[in-house]
Amino acid sequence: MVAVEPLPSNYEVMLWNLELNSDLKHRVVPVNAAISGRDGFVEFSYSTPMDGGASIYGGGRFKVRVRSMRLSTLIKEVTGMGLDLDRFKVRVLKMDCKGCEYDVINEVDVLRLFDIVKIEYSGYLRGKTYHELKSVLEKLGFICRVWAHNEIALRVGLDRHGMITCARNPSMLLR
């Protein structure tokens, strides 16, 4: 498994958790970067040292500059480390990147590598809806479902915030 965490404080906690869980430590490749529509650097805003809501599209009193990479760059880097994607029975892409999903979704060739794509979408940060994500994934042969998973989705509306899970095999949506 590859776990990507851009915020340095959250990344350090992830490493600490991996140290505490030796059975997982050798099964997880931690990456300190942000998945983005471009390679380079982005500035994250966040409000607390351990902030799950950090985003390049939101406000916060703290700022940090972090490495950003396209999903295709991440795939190249981890396969360059010797990770063989073909050894996985099911390949899942799970994103919670507070707005970057609308950039990542444009890498259709990379999305074809996955069997399941699960995205917490935050279109309200960018003036977008889940329909753009769903359209791209359905064109790739995925079957999708959308649902509200928290109070933000209920407050701003399912079109602008929620979860979308898409799978190539419809029975995978039931898991």
N, C-alpha and C. Protein backbone atom coordinates (compact mmCIF):
# COMPACT_ATOMS: atom_id res chain seq x y z
N MET A 1 0.84 -1.16 0.00
CA MET A 1 0.00 0.00 0.00
C MET A 1 0.89 1.23 0.00
N VAL A 2 0.43 2.26 -0.71
CA VAL A 2 1.11 3.54 -0.73
C VAL A 2 0.22 4.53 0.01
N ALA A 3 0.76 5.22 1.00
CA ALA A 3 0.01 6.22 1.77
C ALA A 3 0.67 7.57 1.58
N VAL A 4 -0.09 8.51 1.04
CA VAL A 4 0.42 9.84 0.74
C VAL A 4 -0.14 10.83 1.74
N GLU A 5 0.72 11.61 2.36
CA GLU A 5 0.30 12.63 3.32
C GLU A 5 1.16 13.87 3.11
N PRO A 6 0.55 14.99 2.72
CA PRO A 6 1.34 16.19 2.44
C PRO A 6 1.76 16.99 3.68
N LEU A 7 0.91 17.08 4.66
CA LEU A 7 1.20 17.92 5.82
C LEU A 7 2.31 17.27 6.66
N PRO A 8 3.45 17.93 6.84
CA PRO A 8 4.57 17.32 7.56
C PRO A 8 4.20 16.77 8.94
N SER A 9 3.39 17.49 9.71
CA SER A 9 3.02 17.00 11.06
C SER A 9 2.19 15.72 10.96
N ASN A 10 1.27 15.65 10.03
CA ASN A 10 0.47 14.43 9.84
C ASN A 10 1.34 13.29 9.33
N TYR A 11 2.29 13.61 8.46
CA TYR A 11 3.20 12.59 7.94
C TYR A 11 4.04 11.98 9.07
N GLU A 12 4.52 12.82 9.97
CA GLU A 12 5.30 12.32 11.11
C GLU A 12 4.46 11.39 11.99
N VAL A 13 3.21 11.71 12.18
CA VAL A 13 2.32 10.85 12.97
C VAL A 13 2.10 9.52 12.23
N MET A 14 1.98 9.58 10.91
CA MET A 14 1.84 8.34 10.14
C MET A 14 3.08 7.46 10.33
N LEU A 15 4.26 8.04 10.25
CA LEU A 15 5.49 7.26 10.45
C LEU A 15 5.54 6.67 11.85
N TRP A 16 5.15 7.45 12.84
CA TRP A 16 5.12 6.98 14.22
C TRP A 16 4.15 5.81 14.36
N ASN A 17 2.96 5.92 13.75
CA ASN A 17 1.99 4.83 13.79
C ASN A 17 2.53 3.57 13.12
N LEU A 18 3.25 3.75 12.03
CA LEU A 18 3.83 2.58 11.36
C LEU A 18 4.88 1.92 12.25
N GLU A 19 5.65 2.71 12.97
CA GLU A 19 6.64 2.14 13.90
C GLU A 19 5.94 1.34 15.00
N LEU A 20 4.80 1.82 15.45
CA LEU A 20 4.06 1.13 16.51
C LEU A 20 3.36 -0.13 16.01
N ASN A 21 3.18 -0.24 14.72
CA ASN A 21 2.48 -1.38 14.12
C ASN A 21 3.43 -2.11 13.17
N SER A 22 4.31 -2.88 13.74
CA SER A 22 5.37 -3.52 12.95
C SER A 22 4.83 -4.43 11.86
N ASP A 23 3.63 -5.00 12.05
CA ASP A 23 3.06 -5.85 11.01
C ASP A 23 2.67 -5.04 9.77
N LEU A 24 2.38 -3.75 9.93
CA LEU A 24 2.03 -2.90 8.80
C LEU A 24 3.24 -2.18 8.20
N LYS A 25 4.23 -1.96 9.03
CA LYS A 25 5.38 -1.14 8.64
C LYS A 25 5.98 -1.55 7.29
N HIS A 26 6.08 -2.82 7.05
CA HIS A 26 6.73 -3.30 5.83
C HIS A 26 5.75 -3.44 4.67
N ARG A 27 4.48 -3.14 4.92
CA ARG A 27 3.45 -3.24 3.87
C ARG A 27 3.00 -1.87 3.37
N VAL A 28 3.52 -0.80 3.97
CA VAL A 28 3.09 0.55 3.61
C VAL A 28 4.31 1.35 3.14
N VAL A 29 4.14 2.02 1.99
CA VAL A 29 5.15 2.93 1.48
C VAL A 29 4.65 4.35 1.77
N PRO A 30 5.22 5.02 2.77
CA PRO A 30 4.77 6.38 3.08
C PRO A 30 5.42 7.40 2.16
N VAL A 31 4.63 8.37 1.71
CA VAL A 31 5.13 9.41 0.81
C VAL A 31 4.69 10.76 1.37
N ASN A 32 5.66 11.64 1.58
CA ASN A 32 5.37 12.99 2.08
C ASN A 32 5.28 13.94 0.88
N ALA A 33 4.08 14.06 0.34
CA ALA A 33 3.85 14.92 -0.82
C ALA A 33 2.34 15.13 -0.96
N ALA A 34 1.99 16.06 -1.82
CA ALA A 34 0.59 16.31 -2.16
C ALA A 34 0.35 15.81 -3.58
N ILE A 35 -0.74 15.12 -3.78
CA ILE A 35 -1.12 14.74 -5.14
C ILE A 35 -1.84 15.95 -5.74
N SER A 36 -1.45 16.28 -6.94
CA SER A 36 -1.89 17.54 -7.55
C SER A 36 -2.02 17.36 -9.05
N GLY A 37 -2.42 18.40 -9.70
CA GLY A 37 -2.49 18.39 -11.16
C GLY A 37 -1.15 18.69 -11.81
N ARG A 38 -0.14 18.97 -10.96
CA ARG A 38 1.18 19.29 -11.53
C ARG A 38 2.29 18.89 -10.56
N ASP A 39 3.46 18.67 -11.09
CA ASP A 39 4.64 18.41 -10.28
C ASP A 39 5.25 19.74 -9.87
N GLY A 40 5.74 19.81 -8.66
CA GLY A 40 6.35 21.04 -8.17
C GLY A 40 6.14 21.20 -6.69
N PHE A 41 5.62 22.35 -6.30
CA PHE A 41 5.33 22.65 -4.91
C PHE A 41 4.01 23.39 -4.82
N VAL A 42 3.30 23.19 -3.71
CA VAL A 42 2.06 23.91 -3.44
C VAL A 42 2.10 24.40 -1.99
N GLU A 43 1.30 25.41 -1.70
CA GLU A 43 1.21 25.92 -0.34
C GLU A 43 -0.10 25.47 0.28
N PHE A 44 0.00 24.80 1.41
CA PHE A 44 -1.16 24.33 2.16
C PHE A 44 -1.49 25.32 3.26
N SER A 45 -2.77 25.52 3.49
CA SER A 45 -3.24 26.30 4.64
C SER A 45 -3.90 25.33 5.60
N TYR A 46 -3.68 25.57 6.89
CA TYR A 46 -4.32 24.72 7.90
C TYR A 46 -4.48 25.51 9.19
N SER A 47 -5.37 25.01 10.05
CA SER A 47 -5.73 25.77 11.25
C SER A 47 -5.13 25.23 12.53
N THR A 48 -4.88 23.93 12.58
CA THR A 48 -4.30 23.32 13.78
C THR A 48 -3.14 22.44 13.37
N PRO A 49 -2.19 22.16 14.26
CA PRO A 49 -1.03 21.34 13.89
C PRO A 49 -1.40 19.97 13.32
N MET A 50 -2.47 19.36 13.79
CA MET A 50 -2.92 18.06 13.25
C MET A 50 -4.25 18.29 12.55
N ASP A 51 -4.21 18.86 11.35
CA ASP A 51 -5.41 19.30 10.67
C ASP A 51 -5.74 18.40 9.49
N GLY A 52 -6.84 17.67 9.59
CA GLY A 52 -7.30 16.84 8.48
C GLY A 52 -7.98 17.64 7.39
N GLY A 53 -8.20 18.92 7.62
CA GLY A 53 -8.85 19.77 6.64
C GLY A 53 -7.90 20.67 5.89
N ALA A 54 -6.61 20.42 5.99
CA ALA A 54 -5.63 21.25 5.28
C ALA A 54 -5.88 21.19 3.78
N SER A 55 -5.70 22.32 3.12
CA SER A 55 -5.99 22.37 1.69
C SER A 55 -5.21 23.49 1.02
N ILE A 56 -4.99 23.35 -0.25
CA ILE A 56 -4.42 24.45 -1.03
C ILE A 56 -5.53 25.41 -1.45
N TYR A 57 -6.80 25.04 -1.25
CA TYR A 57 -7.93 25.86 -1.67
C TYR A 57 -8.64 26.55 -0.51
N GLY A 58 -8.29 26.21 0.71
CA GLY A 58 -8.97 26.80 1.86
C GLY A 58 -8.06 27.74 2.61
N GLY A 59 -8.64 28.35 3.63
CA GLY A 59 -7.87 29.26 4.45
C GLY A 59 -7.46 28.60 5.75
N GLY A 60 -6.51 29.15 6.38
CA GLY A 60 -6.04 28.67 7.67
C GLY A 60 -4.95 29.60 8.14
N ARG A 61 -4.72 29.63 9.43
CA ARG A 61 -3.73 30.58 9.95
C ARG A 61 -2.30 30.12 9.74
N PHE A 62 -2.09 28.81 9.50
CA PHE A 62 -0.74 28.29 9.25
C PHE A 62 -0.58 27.98 7.77
N LYS A 63 0.63 28.12 7.29
CA LYS A 63 0.94 27.81 5.88
C LYS A 63 2.19 26.94 5.85
N VAL A 64 2.23 26.03 4.88
CA VAL A 64 3.42 25.22 4.67
C VAL A 64 3.53 24.92 3.18
N ARG A 65 4.75 24.98 2.69
CA ARG A 65 5.02 24.66 1.28
C ARG A 65 5.45 23.20 1.21
N VAL A 66 4.77 22.43 0.37
CA VAL A 66 5.08 21.00 0.26
C VAL A 66 5.25 20.60 -1.19
N ARG A 67 5.95 19.51 -1.37
CA ARG A 67 6.15 18.95 -2.71
C ARG A 67 4.80 18.47 -3.24
N SER A 68 4.56 18.73 -4.50
CA SER A 68 3.34 18.21 -5.15
C SER A 68 3.75 17.37 -6.35
N MET A 69 2.89 16.40 -6.65
CA MET A 69 3.17 15.56 -7.81
C MET A 69 1.86 15.07 -8.42
N ARG A 70 1.94 14.82 -9.68
CA ARG A 70 0.81 14.22 -10.39
C ARG A 70 0.69 12.76 -9.95
N LEU A 71 -0.48 12.20 -10.08
CA LEU A 71 -0.68 10.80 -9.75
C LEU A 71 0.25 9.92 -10.59
N SER A 72 0.44 10.28 -11.84
CA SER A 72 1.32 9.50 -12.71
C SER A 72 2.77 9.54 -12.20
N THR A 73 3.19 10.66 -11.65
CA THR A 73 4.53 10.77 -11.08
C THR A 73 4.66 9.86 -9.86
N LEU A 74 3.64 9.84 -9.02
CA LEU A 74 3.65 8.96 -7.85
C LEU A 74 3.77 7.50 -8.29
N ILE A 75 3.00 7.10 -9.28
CA ILE A 75 3.05 5.72 -9.79
C ILE A 75 4.46 5.40 -10.29
N LYS A 76 5.06 6.32 -11.04
CA LYS A 76 6.42 6.10 -11.55
C LYS A 76 7.42 5.96 -10.40
N GLU A 77 7.28 6.81 -9.39
CA GLU A 77 8.22 6.76 -8.26
C GLU A 77 8.10 5.45 -7.48
N VAL A 78 6.88 5.01 -7.19
CA VAL A 78 6.74 3.79 -6.39
C VAL A 78 7.09 2.54 -7.20
N THR A 79 6.82 2.54 -8.48
CA THR A 79 7.26 1.40 -9.28
C THR A 79 8.78 1.42 -9.43
N GLY A 80 9.37 2.61 -9.45
CA GLY A 80 10.82 2.74 -9.47
C GLY A 80 11.48 2.22 -8.20
N MET A 81 10.72 2.20 -7.10
CA MET A 81 11.21 1.65 -5.83
C MET A 81 11.06 0.13 -5.78
N GLY A 82 10.50 -0.44 -6.85
CA GLY A 82 10.33 -1.88 -6.90
C GLY A 82 8.94 -2.38 -6.55
N LEU A 83 7.98 -1.49 -6.35
CA LEU A 83 6.62 -1.90 -6.05
C LEU A 83 5.94 -2.35 -7.34
N ASP A 84 5.54 -3.61 -7.39
CA ASP A 84 4.91 -4.19 -8.57
C ASP A 84 3.39 -4.09 -8.43
N LEU A 85 2.76 -3.21 -9.20
CA LEU A 85 1.32 -3.01 -9.12
C LEU A 85 0.53 -4.25 -9.52
N ASP A 86 1.12 -5.11 -10.33
CA ASP A 86 0.42 -6.31 -10.78
C ASP A 86 0.25 -7.35 -9.69
N ARG A 87 0.96 -7.20 -8.58
CA ARG A 87 0.83 -8.20 -7.53
C ARG A 87 -0.42 -8.00 -6.67
N PHE A 88 -1.08 -6.84 -6.82
CA PHE A 88 -2.28 -6.55 -6.05
C PHE A 88 -3.51 -7.16 -6.72
N LYS A 89 -4.33 -7.85 -5.94
CA LYS A 89 -5.56 -8.44 -6.48
C LYS A 89 -6.57 -7.37 -6.83
N VAL A 90 -6.68 -6.37 -5.98
CA VAL A 90 -7.57 -5.24 -6.21
C VAL A 90 -6.77 -3.96 -5.98
N ARG A 91 -6.82 -3.07 -6.95
CA ARG A 91 -6.10 -1.80 -6.82
C ARG A 91 -7.13 -0.70 -6.55
N VAL A 92 -6.94 -0.04 -5.41
CA VAL A 92 -7.88 0.97 -4.96
C VAL A 92 -7.17 2.32 -4.87
N LEU A 93 -7.82 3.35 -5.40
CA LEU A 93 -7.36 4.72 -5.24
C LEU A 93 -8.36 5.40 -4.32
N LYS A 94 -7.90 5.81 -3.14
CA LYS A 94 -8.76 6.54 -2.21
C LYS A 94 -8.18 7.93 -2.03
N MET A 95 -8.98 8.94 -2.34
CA MET A 95 -8.50 10.32 -2.26
C MET A 95 -9.37 11.14 -1.31
N ASP A 96 -8.71 11.93 -0.51
CA ASP A 96 -9.34 12.94 0.33
C ASP A 96 -8.39 14.12 0.29
N CYS A 97 -8.45 14.84 -0.81
CA CYS A 97 -7.42 15.87 -1.03
C CYS A 97 -7.99 17.28 -1.13
N LYS A 98 -9.19 17.46 -0.64
CA LYS A 98 -9.77 18.79 -0.46
C LYS A 98 -9.67 19.67 -1.70
N GLY A 99 -10.19 19.18 -2.81
CA GLY A 99 -10.26 19.96 -4.03
C GLY A 99 -9.36 19.50 -5.15
N CYS A 100 -8.28 18.79 -4.84
CA CYS A 100 -7.34 18.36 -5.89
C CYS A 100 -7.94 17.27 -6.78
N GLU A 101 -9.00 16.63 -6.30
CA GLU A 101 -9.60 15.53 -7.08
C GLU A 101 -10.01 15.97 -8.48
N TYR A 102 -10.34 17.24 -8.65
CA TYR A 102 -10.75 17.73 -9.96
C TYR A 102 -9.58 17.87 -10.92
N ASP A 103 -8.37 17.93 -10.40
CA ASP A 103 -7.16 17.93 -11.23
C ASP A 103 -6.69 16.50 -11.48
N VAL A 104 -6.70 15.69 -10.45
CA VAL A 104 -6.22 14.30 -10.54
C VAL A 104 -7.07 13.49 -11.51
N ILE A 105 -8.37 13.77 -11.55
CA ILE A 105 -9.30 12.99 -12.37
C ILE A 105 -8.98 13.11 -13.86
N ASN A 106 -8.21 14.11 -14.24
CA ASN A 106 -7.86 14.30 -15.65
C ASN A 106 -6.80 13.32 -16.14
N GLU A 107 -6.17 12.58 -15.24
CA GLU A 107 -5.15 11.61 -15.64
C GLU A 107 -5.82 10.26 -15.93
N VAL A 108 -6.60 10.23 -17.00
CA VAL A 108 -7.41 9.05 -17.28
C VAL A 108 -6.58 7.80 -17.52
N ASP A 109 -5.41 7.93 -18.11
CA ASP A 109 -4.58 6.74 -18.34
C ASP A 109 -4.16 6.09 -17.03
N VAL A 110 -3.90 6.90 -16.02
CA VAL A 110 -3.52 6.38 -14.70
C VAL A 110 -4.74 5.79 -14.00
N LEU A 111 -5.89 6.43 -14.13
CA LEU A 111 -7.11 5.92 -13.49
C LEU A 111 -7.47 4.52 -13.98
N ARG A 112 -7.09 4.20 -15.21
CA ARG A 112 -7.36 2.87 -15.76
C ARG A 112 -6.65 1.76 -14.98
N LEU A 113 -5.62 2.11 -14.21
CA LEU A 113 -4.88 1.12 -13.42
C LEU A 113 -5.69 0.60 -12.23
N PHE A 114 -6.74 1.32 -11.83
CA PHE A 114 -7.45 1.01 -10.60
C PHE A 114 -8.75 0.27 -10.85
N ASP A 115 -9.12 -0.57 -9.87
CA ASP A 115 -10.38 -1.30 -9.90
C ASP A 115 -11.48 -0.54 -9.17
N ILE A 116 -11.08 0.19 -8.14
CA ILE A 116 -12.01 0.98 -7.33
C ILE A 116 -11.40 2.37 -7.13
N VAL A 117 -12.24 3.38 -7.26
CA VAL A 117 -11.83 4.76 -6.99
C VAL A 117 -12.83 5.31 -5.98
N LYS A 118 -12.31 5.75 -4.83
CA LYS A 118 -13.15 6.32 -3.79
C LYS A 118 -12.63 7.71 -3.48
N ILE A 119 -13.51 8.70 -3.61
CA ILE A 119 -13.10 10.09 -3.47
C ILE A 119 -14.03 10.83 -2.51
N GLU A 120 -13.44 11.48 -1.51
CA GLU A 120 -14.19 12.48 -0.77
C GLU A 120 -14.02 13.76 -1.56
N TYR A 121 -15.08 14.21 -2.20
CA TYR A 121 -14.98 15.37 -3.06
C TYR A 121 -15.41 16.63 -2.30
N SER A 122 -14.71 17.72 -2.60
CA SER A 122 -14.96 19.00 -1.96
C SER A 122 -15.11 20.07 -3.03
N GLY A 123 -16.10 19.88 -3.87
CA GLY A 123 -16.33 20.81 -4.97
C GLY A 123 -16.65 22.22 -4.53
N TYR A 124 -17.19 22.37 -3.32
CA TYR A 124 -17.52 23.70 -2.81
C TYR A 124 -16.27 24.58 -2.70
N LEU A 125 -15.10 23.97 -2.57
CA LEU A 125 -13.86 24.74 -2.50
C LEU A 125 -13.47 25.33 -3.85
N ARG A 126 -14.03 24.73 -4.94
CA ARG A 126 -13.61 25.12 -6.28
C ARG A 126 -14.76 25.50 -7.19
N GLY A 127 -15.98 25.56 -6.64
CA GLY A 127 -17.14 25.89 -7.47
C GLY A 127 -17.49 24.77 -8.43
N LYS A 128 -17.30 23.52 -8.01
CA LYS A 128 -17.55 22.35 -8.86
C LYS A 128 -18.51 21.40 -8.16
N THR A 129 -18.99 20.40 -8.92
CA THR A 129 -19.86 19.37 -8.36
C THR A 129 -19.28 17.99 -8.65
N TYR A 130 -19.88 16.97 -8.05
CA TYR A 130 -19.40 15.60 -8.26
C TYR A 130 -19.66 15.12 -9.68
N HIS A 131 -20.56 15.77 -10.41
CA HIS A 131 -20.94 15.30 -11.74
C HIS A 131 -19.73 15.22 -12.69
N GLU A 132 -18.80 16.14 -12.54
CA GLU A 132 -17.59 16.13 -13.36
C GLU A 132 -16.77 14.87 -13.09
N LEU A 133 -16.61 14.52 -11.83
CA LEU A 133 -15.86 13.31 -11.45
C LEU A 133 -16.56 12.07 -11.97
N LYS A 134 -17.84 12.00 -11.73
CA LYS A 134 -18.65 10.83 -12.12
C LYS A 134 -18.61 10.62 -13.63
N SER A 135 -18.72 11.69 -14.38
CA SER A 135 -18.71 11.60 -15.83
C SER A 135 -17.41 10.98 -16.35
N VAL A 136 -16.28 11.47 -15.84
CA VAL A 136 -14.98 10.95 -16.28
C VAL A 136 -14.86 9.47 -15.94
N LEU A 137 -15.22 9.09 -14.71
CA LEU A 137 -15.08 7.71 -14.27
C LEU A 137 -16.04 6.77 -15.00
N GLU A 138 -17.24 7.21 -15.25
CA GLU A 138 -18.19 6.36 -16.00
C GLU A 138 -17.73 6.15 -17.43
N LYS A 139 -17.10 7.14 -18.04
CA LYS A 139 -16.55 6.98 -19.40
C LYS A 139 -15.44 5.93 -19.42
N LEU A 140 -14.80 5.72 -18.26
CA LEU A 140 -13.74 4.71 -18.15
C LEU A 140 -14.30 3.33 -17.79
N GLY A 141 -15.62 3.23 -17.67
CA GLY A 141 -16.24 1.93 -17.40
C GLY A 141 -16.56 1.67 -15.94
N PHE A 142 -16.43 2.66 -15.08
CA PHE A 142 -16.76 2.50 -13.68
C PHE A 142 -18.26 2.68 -13.45
N ILE A 143 -18.79 1.99 -12.46
CA ILE A 143 -20.15 2.20 -11.96
C ILE A 143 -19.98 2.98 -10.66
N CYS A 144 -20.76 4.06 -10.48
CA CYS A 144 -20.54 4.94 -9.33
C CYS A 144 -21.78 5.10 -8.47
N ARG A 145 -21.51 5.36 -7.19
CA ARG A 145 -22.57 5.78 -6.27
C ARG A 145 -22.03 6.93 -5.44
N VAL A 146 -22.94 7.79 -5.01
CA VAL A 146 -22.60 9.00 -4.28
C VAL A 146 -23.42 9.04 -3.01
N TRP A 147 -22.82 9.50 -1.92
CA TRP A 147 -23.58 9.65 -0.68
C TRP A 147 -22.99 10.73 0.21
N ALA A 148 -23.84 11.24 1.11
CA ALA A 148 -23.41 12.21 2.11
C ALA A 148 -22.82 11.44 3.27
N HIS A 149 -21.66 11.85 3.73
CA HIS A 149 -20.97 11.11 4.79
C HIS A 149 -20.69 11.94 6.04
N ASN A 150 -20.97 13.23 5.96
CA ASN A 150 -20.74 14.08 7.14
C ASN A 150 -21.65 15.30 7.10
N GLU A 151 -21.55 16.12 8.12
CA GLU A 151 -22.43 17.29 8.24
C GLU A 151 -22.14 18.33 7.18
N ILE A 152 -20.91 18.39 6.66
CA ILE A 152 -20.61 19.36 5.60
C ILE A 152 -21.42 19.02 4.36
N ALA A 153 -21.49 17.73 4.03
CA ALA A 153 -22.27 17.31 2.86
C ALA A 153 -23.74 17.68 3.02
N LEU A 154 -24.24 17.55 4.23
CA LEU A 154 -25.64 17.90 4.48
C LEU A 154 -25.84 19.41 4.42
N ARG A 155 -24.86 20.17 4.89
CA ARG A 155 -24.98 21.62 4.94
C ARG A 155 -24.82 22.27 3.56
N VAL A 156 -23.78 21.87 2.80
CA VAL A 156 -23.52 22.53 1.51
C VAL A 156 -24.20 21.82 0.35
N GLY A 157 -24.66 20.60 0.55
CA GLY A 157 -25.36 19.87 -0.50
C GLY A 157 -24.49 18.79 -1.12
N LEU A 158 -25.12 17.69 -1.43
CA LEU A 158 -24.42 16.52 -1.97
C LEU A 158 -23.74 16.81 -3.29
N ASP A 159 -24.26 17.72 -4.08
CA ASP A 159 -23.60 18.07 -5.34
C ASP A 159 -22.19 18.60 -5.11
N ARG A 160 -22.00 19.31 -3.99
CA ARG A 160 -20.76 20.04 -3.76
C ARG A 160 -19.82 19.40 -2.75
N HIS A 161 -20.31 18.41 -1.97
CA HIS A 161 -19.44 17.72 -1.02
C HIS A 161 -20.05 16.37 -0.67
N GLY A 162 -19.21 15.35 -0.64
CA GLY A 162 -19.68 14.02 -0.29
C GLY A 162 -18.63 12.97 -0.66
N MET A 163 -19.11 11.75 -0.76
CA MET A 163 -18.26 10.62 -1.15
C MET A 163 -18.78 10.05 -2.46
N ILE A 164 -17.86 9.71 -3.34
CA ILE A 164 -18.21 8.98 -4.56
C ILE A 164 -17.32 7.75 -4.60
N THR A 165 -17.95 6.60 -4.74
CA THR A 165 -17.22 5.34 -4.88
C THR A 165 -17.57 4.75 -6.23
N CYS A 166 -16.55 4.43 -6.99
CA CYS A 166 -16.74 3.89 -8.33
C CYS A 166 -15.93 2.60 -8.45
N ALA A 167 -16.55 1.60 -9.09
CA ALA A 167 -15.88 0.31 -9.25
C ALA A 167 -16.14 -0.22 -10.65
N ARG A 168 -15.20 -1.01 -11.12
CA ARG A 168 -15.38 -1.65 -12.43
C ARG A 168 -16.40 -2.77 -12.35
N ASN A 169 -16.40 -3.46 -11.21
CA ASN A 169 -17.33 -4.56 -10.96
C ASN A 169 -18.37 -4.06 -9.96
N PRO A 170 -19.67 -3.99 -10.34
CA PRO A 170 -20.68 -3.45 -9.44
C PRO A 170 -20.75 -4.15 -8.08
N SER A 171 -20.39 -5.42 -8.00
CA SER A 171 -20.44 -6.11 -6.69
C SER A 171 -19.42 -5.53 -5.71
N MET A 172 -18.37 -4.86 -6.22
CA MET A 172 -17.38 -4.24 -5.35
C MET A 172 -17.95 -3.04 -4.61
N LEU A 173 -19.03 -2.45 -5.13
CA LEU A 173 -19.65 -1.30 -4.46
C LEU A 173 -20.35 -1.72 -3.17
N LEU A 174 -20.64 -2.99 -3.03
CA LEU A 174 -21.35 -3.47 -1.86
C LEU A 174 -20.42 -3.76 -0.69
N ARG A 175 -19.12 -3.74 -0.91
CA ARG A 175 -18.15 -4.06 0.13
C ARG A 175 -17.94 -2.94 1.09
